[in-house]
PDB file of N, CA and C in Angstrom:
ATOM      1  N   MET A   1      33.311  -8.481  12.476  1.00  0.00           N
ATOM      2  CA  MET A   1      33.069  -7.098  12.745  1.00  0.00           C
ATOM      3  C   MET A   1      33.519  -6.770  14.154  1.00  0.00           C
ATOM      4  N   GLN A   2      34.730  -6.504  14.308  1.00  0.00           N
ATOM      5  CA  GLN A   2      35.285  -6.240  15.616  1.00  0.00           C
ATOM      6  C   GLN A   2      34.851  -4.861  16.103  1.00  0.00           C
ATOM      7  N   GLY A   3      34.379  -4.786  17.356  1.00  0.00           N
ATOM      8  CA  GLY A   3      33.987  -3.518  17.946  1.00  0.00           C
ATOM      9  C   GLY A   3      32.568  -3.076  17.600  1.00  0.00           C
ATOM     10  N   ALA A   4      31.949  -3.737  16.662  1.00  0.00           N
ATOM     11  CA  ALA A   4      30.584  -3.352  16.280  1.00  0.00           C
ATOM     12  C   ALA A   4      29.582  -4.043  17.186  1.00  0.00           C
ATOM     13  N   LEU A   5      28.520  -3.337  17.494  1.00  0.00           N
ATOM     14  CA  LEU A   5      27.459  -3.936  18.282  1.00  0.00           C
ATOM     15  C   LEU A   5      26.481  -4.628  17.345  1.00  0.00           C
ATOM     16  N   PRO A   6      26.212  -5.896  17.579  1.00  0.00           N
ATOM     17  CA  PRO A   6      25.255  -6.584  16.702  1.00  0.00           C
ATOM     18  C   PRO A   6      23.833  -6.078  16.956  1.00  0.00           C
ATOM     19  N   TRP A   7      23.127  -5.798  15.900  1.00  0.00           N
ATOM     20  CA  TRP A   7      21.745  -5.357  16.007  1.00  0.00           C
ATOM     21  C   TRP A   7      20.856  -6.577  16.144  1.00  0.00           C
ATOM     22  N   LYS A   8      19.908  -6.502  17.039  1.00  0.00           N
ATOM     23  CA  LYS A   8      18.959  -7.594  17.210  1.00  0.00           C
ATOM     24  C   LYS A   8      17.639  -7.277  16.531  1.00  0.00           C
ATOM     25  N   THR A   9      17.300  -5.993  16.507  1.00  0.00           N
ATOM     26  CA  THR A   9      16.043  -5.552  15.928  1.00  0.00           C
ATOM     27  C   THR A   9      16.272  -4.275  15.142  1.00  0.00           C
ATOM     28  N   ILE A  10      15.716  -4.218  13.935  1.00  0.00           N
ATOM     29  CA  ILE A  10      15.851  -3.031  13.091  1.00  0.00           C
ATOM     30  C   ILE A  10      14.448  -2.508  12.791  1.00  0.00           C
ATOM     31  N   LEU A  11      14.216  -1.267  13.182  1.00  0.00           N
ATOM     32  CA  LEU A  11      12.929  -0.618  12.951  1.00  0.00           C
ATOM     33  C   LEU A  11      12.972   0.159  11.643  1.00  0.00           C
ATOM     34  N   VAL A  12      11.980  -0.095  10.786  1.00  0.00           N
ATOM     35  CA  VAL A  12      11.867   0.618   9.516  1.00  0.00           C
ATOM     36  C   VAL A  12      10.514   1.325   9.472  1.00  0.00           C
ATOM     37  N   PRO A  13      10.504   2.641   9.696  1.00  0.00           N
ATOM     38  CA  PRO A  13       9.256   3.373   9.469  1.00  0.00           C
ATOM     39  C   PRO A  13       8.933   3.282   7.979  1.00  0.00           C
ATOM     40  N   TYR A  14       7.731   2.896   7.649  1.00  0.00           N
ATOM     41  CA  TYR A  14       7.403   2.562   6.259  1.00  0.00           C
ATOM     42  C   TYR A  14       6.170   3.336   5.801  1.00  0.00           C
ATOM     43  N   ASP A  15       6.345   4.169   4.755  1.00  0.00           N
ATOM     44  CA  ASP A  15       5.234   4.998   4.259  1.00  0.00           C
ATOM     45  C   ASP A  15       4.803   4.617   2.842  1.00  0.00           C
ATOM     46  N   PHE A  16       5.206   3.459   2.376  1.00  0.00           N
ATOM     47  CA  PHE A  16       4.828   2.931   1.063  1.00  0.00           C
ATOM     48  C   PHE A  16       5.436   3.715  -0.104  1.00  0.00           C
ATOM     49  N   SER A  17       6.486   4.457   0.145  1.00  0.00           N
ATOM     50  CA  SER A  17       7.167   5.207  -0.918  1.00  0.00           C
ATOM     51  C   SER A  17       8.341   4.398  -1.455  1.00  0.00           C
ATOM     52  N   ASP A  18       8.938   4.875  -2.557  1.00  0.00           N
ATOM     53  CA  ASP A  18      10.140   4.235  -3.091  1.00  0.00           C
ATOM     54  C   ASP A  18      11.275   4.310  -2.068  1.00  0.00           C
ATOM     55  N   GLY A  19      11.353   5.422  -1.345  1.00  0.00           N
ATOM     56  CA  GLY A  19      12.378   5.576  -0.316  1.00  0.00           C
ATOM     57  C   GLY A  19      12.216   4.554   0.798  1.00  0.00           C
ATOM     58  N   ALA A  20      10.969   4.261   1.153  1.00  0.00           N
ATOM     59  CA  ALA A  20      10.711   3.256   2.187  1.00  0.00           C
ATOM     60  C   ALA A  20      11.117   1.868   1.701  1.00  0.00           C
ATOM     61  N   ASP A  21      10.876   1.578   0.420  1.00  0.00           N
ATOM     62  CA  ASP A  21      11.318   0.300  -0.149  1.00  0.00           C
ATOM     63  C   ASP A  21      12.833   0.176  -0.074  1.00  0.00           C
ATOM     64  N   HIS A  22      13.512   1.273  -0.384  1.00  0.00           N
ATOM     65  CA  HIS A  22      14.981   1.275  -0.341  1.00  0.00           C
ATOM     66  C   HIS A  22      15.468   1.074   1.099  1.00  0.00           C
ATOM     67  N   ALA A  23      14.855   1.780   2.045  1.00  0.00           N
ATOM     68  CA  ALA A  23      15.235   1.633   3.453  1.00  0.00           C
ATOM     69  C   ALA A  23      15.004   0.200   3.926  1.00  0.00           C
ATOM     70  N   ALA A  24      13.893  -0.401   3.515  1.00  0.00           N
ATOM     71  CA  ALA A  24      13.602  -1.780   3.906  1.00  0.00           C
ATOM     72  C   ALA A  24      14.634  -2.742   3.326  1.00  0.00           C
ATOM     73  N   ALA A  25      15.065  -2.506   2.098  1.00  0.00           N
ATOM     74  CA  ALA A  25      16.088  -3.364   1.483  1.00  0.00           C
ATOM     75  C   ALA A  25      17.403  -3.279   2.256  1.00  0.00           C
ATOM     76  N   ILE A  26      17.780  -2.078   2.647  1.00  0.00           N
ATOM     77  CA  ILE A  26      19.001  -1.907   3.442  1.00  0.00           C
ATOM     78  C   ILE A  26      18.844  -2.595   4.795  1.00  0.00           C
ATOM     79  N   ALA A  27      17.687  -2.428   5.429  1.00  0.00           N
ATOM     80  CA  ALA A  27      17.433  -3.057   6.721  1.00  0.00           C
ATOM     81  C   ALA A  27      17.519  -4.576   6.620  1.00  0.00           C
ATOM     82  N   LEU A  28      16.986  -5.142   5.540  1.00  0.00           N
ATOM     83  CA  LEU A  28      17.044  -6.595   5.358  1.00  0.00           C
ATOM     84  C   LEU A  28      18.482  -7.070   5.192  1.00  0.00           C
ATOM     85  N   ALA A  29      19.275  -6.328   4.441  1.00  0.00           N
ATOM     86  CA  ALA A  29      20.683  -6.692   4.275  1.00  0.00           C
ATOM     87  C   ALA A  29      21.410  -6.647   5.617  1.00  0.00           C
ATOM     88  N   GLU A  30      21.146  -5.614   6.397  1.00  0.00           N
ATOM     89  CA  GLU A  30      21.769  -5.509   7.717  1.00  0.00           C
ATOM     90  C   GLU A  30      21.267  -6.610   8.655  1.00  0.00           C
ATOM     91  N   ALA A  31      19.986  -6.933   8.556  1.00  0.00           N
ATOM     92  CA  ALA A  31      19.420  -7.995   9.393  1.00  0.00           C
ATOM     93  C   ALA A  31      20.105  -9.325   9.096  1.00  0.00           C
ATOM     94  N   ARG A  32      20.362  -9.587   7.825  1.00  0.00           N
ATOM     95  CA  ARG A  32      21.078 -10.824   7.469  1.00  0.00           C
ATOM     96  C   ARG A  32      22.484 -10.826   8.064  1.00  0.00           C
ATOM     97  N   THR A  33      23.155  -9.694   7.983  1.00  0.00           N
ATOM     98  CA  THR A  33      24.515  -9.587   8.502  1.00  0.00           C
ATOM     99  C   THR A  33      24.560  -9.805  10.000  1.00  0.00           C
ATOM    100  N   HIS A  34      23.593  -9.254  10.717  1.00  0.00           N
ATOM    101  CA  HIS A  34      23.608  -9.273  12.173  1.00  0.00           C
ATOM    102  C   HIS A  34      22.703 -10.341  12.787  1.00  0.00           C
ATOM    103  N   GLY A  35      21.968 -11.079  11.959  1.00  0.00           N
ATOM    104  CA  GLY A  35      21.033 -12.063  12.494  1.00  0.00           C
ATOM    105  C   GLY A  35      19.882 -11.391  13.230  1.00  0.00           C
ATOM    106  N   ALA A  36      19.464 -10.249  12.722  1.00  0.00           N
ATOM    107  CA  ALA A  36      18.430  -9.447  13.382  1.00  0.00           C
ATOM    108  C   ALA A  36      17.059  -9.690  12.762  1.00  0.00           C
ATOM    109  N   SER A  37      16.041  -9.188  13.447  1.00  0.00           N
ATOM    110  CA  SER A  37      14.692  -9.178  12.890  1.00  0.00           C
ATOM    111  C   SER A  37      14.364  -7.751  12.469  1.00  0.00           C
ATOM    112  N   VAL A  38      13.326  -7.610  11.650  1.00  0.00           N
ATOM    113  CA  VAL A  38      12.931  -6.301  11.128  1.00  0.00           C
ATOM    114  C   VAL A  38      11.499  -6.005  11.555  1.00  0.00           C
ATOM    115  N   LEU A  39      11.285  -4.779  12.014  1.00  0.00           N
ATOM    116  CA  LEU A  39       9.950  -4.295  12.358  1.00  0.00           C
ATOM    117  C   LEU A  39       9.566  -3.228  11.339  1.00  0.00           C
ATOM    118  N   LEU A  40       8.495  -3.469  10.598  1.00  0.00           N
ATOM    119  CA  LEU A  40       7.966  -2.459   9.683  1.00  0.00           C
ATOM    120  C   LEU A  40       6.844  -1.728  10.409  1.00  0.00           C
ATOM    121  N   LEU A  41       6.945  -0.415  10.479  1.00  0.00           N
ATOM    122  CA  LEU A  41       5.950   0.395  11.182  1.00  0.00           C
ATOM    123  C   LEU A  41       5.396   1.454  10.235  1.00  0.00           C
ATOM    124  N   HIS A  42       4.082   1.463  10.093  1.00  0.00           N
ATOM    125  CA  HIS A  42       3.414   2.517   9.326  1.00  0.00           C
ATOM    126  C   HIS A  42       2.547   3.318  10.285  1.00  0.00           C
ATOM    127  N   VAL A  43       2.610   4.643  10.165  1.00  0.00           N
ATOM    128  CA  VAL A  43       1.777   5.508  10.991  1.00  0.00           C
ATOM    129  C   VAL A  43       0.739   6.165  10.094  1.00  0.00           C
ATOM    130  N   VAL A  44      -0.515   5.918  10.418  1.00  0.00           N
ATOM    131  CA  VAL A  44      -1.626   6.530   9.701  1.00  0.00           C
ATOM    132  C   VAL A  44      -1.851   7.908  10.314  1.00  0.00           C
ATOM    133  N   GLU A  45      -1.653   8.920   9.495  1.00  0.00           N
ATOM    134  CA  GLU A  45      -1.861  10.290   9.959  1.00  0.00           C
ATOM    135  C   GLU A  45      -3.165  10.793   9.358  1.00  0.00           C
ATOM    136  N   LEU A  46      -4.152  10.986  10.220  1.00  0.00           N
ATOM    137  CA  LEU A  46      -5.467  11.404   9.747  1.00  0.00           C
ATOM    138  C   LEU A  46      -5.723  12.855  10.116  1.00  0.00           C
ATOM    139  N   MET A  47      -6.479  13.506   9.278  1.00  0.00           N
ATOM    140  CA  MET A  47      -6.846  14.889   9.526  1.00  0.00           C
ATOM    141  C   MET A  47      -7.799  14.932  10.721  1.00  0.00           C
ATOM    142  N   PRO A  48      -7.529  15.779  11.711  1.00  0.00           N
ATOM    143  CA  PRO A  48      -8.361  15.798  12.907  1.00  0.00           C
ATOM    144  C   PRO A  48      -9.822  16.151  12.642  1.00  0.00           C
ATOM    145  N   HIS A  49     -10.103  16.902  11.608  1.00  0.00           N
ATOM    146  CA  HIS A  49     -11.487  17.302  11.354  1.00  0.00           C
ATOM    147  C   HIS A  49     -12.373  16.149  10.870  1.00  0.00           C
ATOM    148  N   PHE A  50     -11.778  15.006  10.527  1.00  0.00           N
ATOM    149  CA  PHE A  50     -12.597  13.865  10.142  1.00  0.00           C
ATOM    150  C   PHE A  50     -13.296  13.253  11.346  1.00  0.00           C
ATOM    151  N   GLY A  51     -12.684  13.323  12.506  1.00  0.00           N
ATOM    152  CA  GLY A  51     -13.291  12.775  13.712  1.00  0.00           C
ATOM    153  C   GLY A  51     -13.345  11.258  13.673  1.00  0.00           C
ATOM    154  N   PRO A  52     -13.537  10.620  14.832  1.00  0.00           N
ATOM    155  CA  PRO A  52     -13.494   9.154  14.894  1.00  0.00           C
ATOM    156  C   PRO A  52     -14.704   8.453  14.299  1.00  0.00           C
ATOM    157  N   GLU A  53     -15.844   9.098  14.186  1.00  0.00           N
ATOM    158  CA  GLU A  53     -17.047   8.413  13.743  1.00  0.00           C
ATOM    159  C   GLU A  53     -17.529   8.824  12.359  1.00  0.00           C
ATOM    160  N   THR A  54     -16.761   9.609  11.660  1.00  0.00           N
ATOM    161  CA  THR A  54     -17.187  10.057  10.339  1.00  0.00           C
ATOM    162  C   THR A  54     -17.297   8.870   9.394  1.00  0.00           C
ATOM    163  N   ARG A  55     -18.391   8.753   8.712  1.00  0.00           N
ATOM    164  CA  ARG A  55     -18.603   7.665   7.755  1.00  0.00           C
ATOM    165  C   ARG A  55     -18.417   8.226   6.353  1.00  0.00           C
ATOM    166  N   LEU A  56     -17.251   7.988   5.790  1.00  0.00           N
ATOM    167  CA  LEU A  56     -16.945   8.564   4.495  1.00  0.00           C
ATOM    168  C   LEU A  56     -16.556   7.544   3.434  1.00  0.00           C
ATOM    169  N   ILE A  57     -16.233   6.352   3.824  1.00  0.00           N
ATOM    170  CA  ILE A  57     -15.665   5.377   2.899  1.00  0.00           C
ATOM    171  C   ILE A  57     -16.626   4.209   2.681  1.00  0.00           C
ATOM    172  N   LEU A  58     -16.830   3.884   1.425  1.00  0.00           N
ATOM    173  CA  LEU A  58     -17.567   2.672   1.075  1.00  0.00           C
ATOM    174  C   LEU A  58     -16.561   1.760   0.379  1.00  0.00           C
ATOM    175  N   PRO A  59     -15.953   0.837   1.144  1.00  0.00           N
ATOM    176  CA  PRO A  59     -14.942  -0.043   0.553  1.00  0.00           C
ATOM    177  C   PRO A  59     -15.514  -0.855  -0.602  1.00  0.00           C
ATOM    178  N   GLU A  60     -14.655  -1.175  -1.533  1.00  0.00           N
ATOM    179  CA  GLU A  60     -15.058  -1.968  -2.702  1.00  0.00           C
ATOM    180  C   GLU A  60     -15.693  -3.272  -2.246  1.00  0.00           C
ATOM    181  N   GLY A  61     -16.854  -3.553  -2.776  1.00  0.00           N
ATOM    182  CA  GLY A  61     -17.558  -4.778  -2.452  1.00  0.00           C
ATOM    183  C   GLY A  61     -18.362  -4.707  -1.164  1.00  0.00           C
ATOM    184  N   ALA A  62     -18.281  -3.582  -0.450  1.00  0.00           N
ATOM    185  CA  ALA A  62     -19.018  -3.454   0.809  1.00  0.00           C
ATOM    186  C   ALA A  62     -20.367  -2.794   0.562  1.00  0.00           C
ATOM    187  N   GLN A  63     -21.295  -3.055   1.446  1.00  0.00           N
ATOM    188  CA  GLN A  63     -22.620  -2.463   1.347  1.00  0.00           C
ATOM    189  C   GLN A  63     -22.822  -1.364   2.383  1.00  0.00           C
ATOM    190  N   THR A  64     -21.955  -1.349   3.383  1.00  0.00           N
ATOM    191  CA  THR A  64     -22.099  -0.388   4.464  1.00  0.00           C
ATOM    192  C   THR A  64     -20.851   0.481   4.551  1.00  0.00           C
ATOM    193  N   PRO A  65     -21.033   1.791   4.618  1.00  0.00           N
ATOM    194  CA  PRO A  65     -19.866   2.672   4.784  1.00  0.00           C
ATOM    195  C   PRO A  65     -19.195   2.431   6.137  1.00  0.00           C
ATOM    196  N   ILE A  66     -17.902   2.662   6.176  1.00  0.00           N
ATOM    197  CA  ILE A  66     -17.158   2.539   7.434  1.00  0.00           C
ATOM    198  C   ILE A  66     -16.445   3.857   7.701  1.00  0.00           C
ATOM    199  N   GLY A  67     -16.065   4.049   8.948  1.00  0.00           N
ATOM    200  CA  GLY A  67     -15.348   5.253   9.331  1.00  0.00           C
ATOM    201  C   GLY A  67     -14.000   5.333   8.630  1.00  0.00           C
ATOM    202  N   ILE A  68     -13.599   6.541   8.345  1.00  0.00           N
ATOM    203  CA  ILE A  68     -12.337   6.735   7.622  1.00  0.00           C
ATOM    204  C   ILE A  68     -11.148   6.237   8.437  1.00  0.00           C
ATOM    205  N   HIS A  69     -11.182   6.384   9.756  1.00  0.00           N
ATOM    206  CA  HIS A  69     -10.078   5.882  10.579  1.00  0.00           C
ATOM    207  C   HIS A  69      -9.964   4.368  10.461  1.00  0.00           C
ATOM    208  N   HIS A  70     -11.096   3.694  10.550  1.00  0.00           N
ATOM    209  CA  HIS A  70     -11.103   2.231  10.433  1.00  0.00           C
ATOM    210  C   HIS A  70     -10.602   1.803   9.050  1.00  0.00           C
ATOM    211  N   TYR A  71     -11.080   2.472   8.019  1.00  0.00           N
ATOM    212  CA  TYR A  71     -10.659   2.141   6.661  1.00  0.00           C
ATOM    213  C   TYR A  71      -9.159   2.346   6.485  1.00  0.00           C
ATOM    214  N   ALA A  72      -8.655   3.504   6.910  1.00  0.00           N
ATOM    215  CA  ALA A  72      -7.228   3.810   6.728  1.00  0.00           C
ATOM    216  C   ALA A  72      -6.362   2.810   7.471  1.00  0.00           C
ATOM    217  N   ARG A  73      -6.746   2.475   8.679  1.00  0.00           N
ATOM    218  CA  ARG A  73      -5.946   1.539   9.462  1.00  0.00           C
ATOM    219  C   ARG A  73      -5.990   0.123   8.870  1.00  0.00           C
ATOM    220  N   SER A  74      -7.175  -0.356   8.531  1.00  0.00           N
ATOM    221  CA  SER A  74      -7.273  -1.718   7.998  1.00  0.00           C
ATOM    222  C   SER A  74      -6.582  -1.833   6.643  1.00  0.00           C
ATOM    223  N   ARG A  75      -6.666  -0.799   5.836  1.00  0.00           N
ATOM    224  CA  ARG A  75      -5.990  -0.803   4.529  1.00  0.00           C
ATOM    225  C   ARG A  75      -4.475  -0.818   4.711  1.00  0.00           C
ATOM    226  N   ALA A  76      -3.980  -0.001   5.644  1.00  0.00           N
ATOM    227  CA  ALA A  76      -2.538   0.038   5.914  1.00  0.00           C
ATOM    228  C   ALA A  76      -2.050  -1.307   6.449  1.00  0.00           C
ATOM    229  N   GLU A  77      -2.829  -1.933   7.331  1.00  0.00           N
ATOM    230  CA  GLU A  77      -2.437  -3.237   7.872  1.00  0.00           C
ATOM    231  C   GLU A  77      -2.332  -4.282   6.760  1.00  0.00           C
ATOM    232  N   ALA A  78      -3.319  -4.309   5.879  1.00  0.00           N
ATOM    233  CA  ALA A  78      -3.314  -5.283   4.777  1.00  0.00           C
ATOM    234  C   ALA A  78      -2.149  -5.017   3.824  1.00  0.00           C
ATOM    235  N   ASP A  79      -1.942  -3.764   3.467  1.00  0.00           N
ATOM    236  CA  ASP A  79      -0.860  -3.424   2.543  1.00  0.00           C
ATOM    237  C   ASP A  79       0.510  -3.711   3.152  1.00  0.00           C
ATOM    238  N   LEU A  80       0.665  -3.425   4.444  1.00  0.00           N
ATOM    239  CA  LEU A  80       1.947  -3.673   5.095  1.00  0.00           C
ATOM    240  C   LEU A  80       2.238  -5.170   5.206  1.00  0.00           C
ATOM    241  N   ARG A  81       1.202  -5.970   5.444  1.00  0.00           N
ATOM    242  CA  ARG A  81       1.398  -7.440   5.455  1.00  0.00           C
ATOM    243  C   ARG A  81       1.867  -7.926   4.087  1.00  0.00           C
ATOM    244  N   GLN A  82       1.336  -7.348   3.007  1.00  0.00           N
ATOM    245  CA  GLN A  82       1.774  -7.729   1.656  1.00  0.00           C
ATOM    246  C   GLN A  82       3.239  -7.369   1.435  1.00  0.00           C
ATOM    247  N   VAL A  83       3.639  -6.205   1.900  1.00  0.00           N
ATOM    248  CA  VAL A  83       5.041  -5.788   1.778  1.00  0.00           C
ATOM    249  C   VAL A  83       5.930  -6.769   2.533  1.00  0.00           C
ATOM    250  N   ALA A  84       5.552  -7.110   3.750  1.00  0.00           N
ATOM    251  CA  ALA A  84       6.355  -8.030   4.558  1.00  0.00           C
ATOM    252  C   ALA A  84       6.462  -9.399   3.893  1.00  0.00           C
ATOM    253  N   ALA A  85       5.375  -9.882   3.339  1.00  0.00           N
ATOM    254  CA  ALA A  85       5.393 -11.178   2.657  1.00  0.00           C
ATOM    255  C   ALA A  85       6.322 -11.136   1.448  1.00  0.00           C
ATOM    256  N   ARG A  86       6.316 -10.030   0.748  1.00  0.00           N
ATOM    257  CA  ARG A  86       7.174  -9.879  -0.434  1.00  0.00           C
ATOM    258  C   ARG A  86       8.650  -9.829  -0.042  1.00  0.00           C
ATOM    259  N   LEU A  87       8.955  -9.221   1.097  1.00  0.00           N
ATOM    260  CA  LEU A  87      10.344  -9.015   1.506  1.00  0.00           C
ATOM    261  C   LEU A  87      10.927 -10.141   2.358  1.00  0.00           C
ATOM    262  N   ALA A  88      10.089 -10.865   3.059  1.00  0.00           N
ATOM    263  CA  ALA A  88      10.511 -11.737   4.154  1.00  0.00           C
ATOM    264  C   ALA A  88      11.669 -12.671   3.831  1.00  0.00           C
ATOM    265  N   GLY A  89      11.473 -13.629   2.984  1.00  0.00           N
ATOM    266  CA  GLY A  89      12.536 -14.593   2.721  1.00  0.00           C
ATOM    267  C   GLY A  89      13.003 -15.252   4.000  1.00  0.00           C
ATOM    268  N   ASP A  90      14.289 -15.086   4.319  1.00  0.00           N
ATOM    269  CA  ASP A  90      14.886 -15.736   5.485  1.00  0.00           C
ATOM    270  C   ASP A  90      14.943 -14.830   6.715  1.00  0.00           C
ATOM    271  N   ILE A  91      14.324 -13.673   6.665  1.00  0.00           N
ATOM    272  CA  ILE A  91      14.363 -12.710   7.764  1.00  0.00           C
ATOM    273  C   ILE A  91      12.989 -12.622   8.426  1.00  0.00           C
ATOM    274  N   ALA A  92      12.978 -12.595   9.751  1.00  0.00           N
ATOM    275  CA  ALA A  92      11.725 -12.423  10.490  1.00  0.00           C
ATOM    276  C   ALA A  92      11.293 -10.964  10.388  1.00  0.00           C
ATOM    277  N   ILE A  93      10.087 -10.737   9.883  1.00  0.00           N
ATOM    278  CA  ILE A  93       9.548  -9.386   9.749  1.00  0.00           C
ATOM    279  C   ILE A  93       8.203  -9.329  10.464  1.00  0.00           C
ATOM    280  N   GLU A  94       8.060  -8.330  11.329  1.00  0.00           N
ATOM    281  CA  GLU A  94       6.784  -8.064  11.995  1.00  0.00           C
ATOM    282  C   GLU A  94       6.258  -6.731  11.478  1.00  0.00           C
ATOM    283  N   THR A  95       4.938  -6.605  11.405  1.00  0.00           N
ATOM    284  CA  THR A  95       4.339  -5.358  10.937  1.00  0.00           C
ATOM    285  C   THR A  95       3.486  -4.743  12.039  1.00  0.00           C
ATOM    286  N   PHE A  96       3.494  -3.408  12.054  1.00  0.00           N
ATOM    287  CA  PHE A  96       2.738  -2.650  13.042  1.00  0.00           C
ATOM    288  C   PHE A  96       2.159  -1.416  12.376  1.00  0.00           C
ATOM    289  N   VAL A  97       0.939  -1.068  12.768  1.00  0.00           N
ATOM    290  CA  VAL A  97       0.301   0.151  12.283  1.00  0.00           C
ATOM    291  C   VAL A  97      -0.174   0.928  13.493  1.00  0.00           C
ATOM    292  N   ARG A  98       0.143   2.205  13.490  1.00  0.00           N
ATOM    293  CA  ARG A  98      -0.308   3.114  14.545  1.00  0.00           C
ATOM    294  C   ARG A  98      -0.992   4.307  13.903  1.00  0.00           C
ATOM    295  N   GLU A  99      -1.742   5.029  14.700  1.00  0.00           N
ATOM    296  CA  GLU A  99      -2.386   6.255  14.240  1.00  0.00           C
ATOM    297  C   GLU A  99      -1.853   7.431  15.036  1.00  0.00           C
ATOM    298  N   GLY A 100      -1.649   8.553  14.361  1.00  0.00           N
ATOM    299  CA  GLY A 100      -1.214   9.755  15.055  1.00  0.00           C
ATOM    300  C   GLY A 100      -0.181  10.516  14.267  1.00  0.00           C
ATOM    301  N   ASN A 101       0.585  11.314  14.978  1.00  0.00           N
ATOM    302  CA  ASN A 101       1.674  12.084  14.386  1.00  0.00           C
ATOM    303  C   ASN A 101       2.841  11.139  14.133  1.00  0.00           C
ATOM    304  N   PRO A 102       3.285  11.018  12.885  1.00  0.00           N
ATOM    305  CA  PRO A 102       4.339  10.030  12.588  1.00  0.00           C
ATOM    306  C   PRO A 102       5.598  10.177  13.438  1.00  0.00           C
ATOM    307  N   ILE A 103       6.084  11.385  13.621  1.00  0.00           N
ATOM    308  CA  ILE A 103       7.319  11.573  14.393  1.00  0.00           C
ATOM    309  C   ILE A 103       7.126  11.082  15.823  1.00  0.00           C
ATOM    310  N   GLU A 104       6.035  11.478  16.437  1.00  0.00           N
ATOM    311  CA  GLU A 104       5.780  11.085  17.821  1.00  0.00           C
ATOM    312  C   GLU A 104       5.537   9.583  17.941  1.00  0.00           C
ATOM    313  N   GLU A 105       4.776   9.026  17.024  1.00  0.00           N
ATOM    314  CA  GLU A 105       4.449   7.599  17.095  1.00  0.00           C
ATOM    315  C   GLU A 105       5.672   6.720  16.848  1.00  0.00           C
ATOM    316  N   ILE A 106       6.518   7.119  15.922  1.00  0.00           N
ATOM    317  CA  ILE A 106       7.745   6.338  15.651  1.00  0.00           C
ATOM    318  C   ILE A 106       8.658   6.361  16.868  1.00  0.00           C
ATOM    319  N   ALA A 107       8.860   7.540  17.452  1.00  0.00           N
ATOM    320  CA  ALA A 107       9.715   7.659  18.637  1.00  0.00           C
ATOM    321  C   ALA A 107       9.137   6.869  19.808  1.00  0.00           C
ATOM    322  N   ASP A 108       7.827   6.964  20.015  1.00  0.00           N
ATOM    323  CA  ASP A 108       7.165   6.236  21.093  1.00  0.00           C
ATOM    324  C   ASP A 108       7.290   4.726  20.880  1.00  0.00           C
ATOM    325  N   PHE A 109       7.076   4.275  19.656  1.00  0.00           N
ATOM    326  CA  PHE A 109       7.188   2.850  19.343  1.00  0.00           C
ATOM    327  C   PHE A 109       8.609   2.352  19.618  1.00  0.00           C
ATOM    328  N   ALA A 110       9.602   3.128  19.186  1.00  0.00           N
ATOM    329  CA  ALA A 110      11.001   2.727  19.398  1.00  0.00           C
ATOM    330  C   ALA A 110      11.317   2.632  20.884  1.00  0.00           C
ATOM    331  N   ARG A 111      10.825   3.571  21.678  1.00  0.00           N
ATOM    332  CA  ARG A 111      11.037   3.520  23.131  1.00  0.00           C
ATOM    333  C   ARG A 111      10.375   2.278  23.728  1.00  0.00           C
ATOM    334  N   GLN A 112       9.143   2.018  23.334  1.00  0.00           N
ATOM    335  CA  GLN A 112       8.415   0.871  23.882  1.00  0.00           C
ATOM    336  C   GLN A 112       9.085  -0.457  23.535  1.00  0.00           C
ATOM    337  N   ARG A 113       9.627  -0.537  22.355  1.00  0.00           N
ATOM    338  CA  ARG A 113      10.260  -1.786  21.904  1.00  0.00           C
ATOM    339  C   ARG A 113      11.758  -1.838  22.218  1.00  0.00           C
ATOM    340  N   ASN A 114      12.275  -0.813  22.874  1.00  0.00           N
ATOM    341  CA  ASN A 114      13.713  -0.715  23.185  1.00  0.00           C
ATOM    342  C   ASN A 114      14.570  -0.828  21.940  1.00  0.00           C
ATOM    343  N   VAL A 115      14.153  -0.136  20.879  1.00  0.00           N
ATOM    344  CA  VAL A 115      14.917  -0.108  19.639  1.00  0.00           C
ATOM    345  C   VAL A 115      15.697   1.198  19.617  1.00  0.00           C
ATOM    346  N   ASP A 116      16.998   1.114  19.543  1.00  0.00           N
ATOM    347  CA  ASP A 116      17.839   2.329  19.489  1.00  0.00           C
ATOM    348  C   ASP A 116      18.237   2.649  18.080  1.00  0.00           C
TER     349      ASP A 116
END
């Protein structure tokens, strides 16, 4: 690949949709080509009126309700780890979960990780 810049890290914002699966597949193919690693990032966007301490969720098998923010984040982390395990193979995949506005959080994450 003459003139092409090799990618070292590929960021895939991941929302658990079919489109995200497709984007991850493309990222993995590119990672193999360039010897890059893949970062899967999910942003949990919560409604502000829920507040940080609202107790609304009783997880399956739990006896004590937990805050919706905690539930959403822990569920996303577990689900994203499963996706990474399913996709990994010979490519290094890291998973990250953030809370907030997806556009802002993705841009902020990319800046922090120096991903262009």
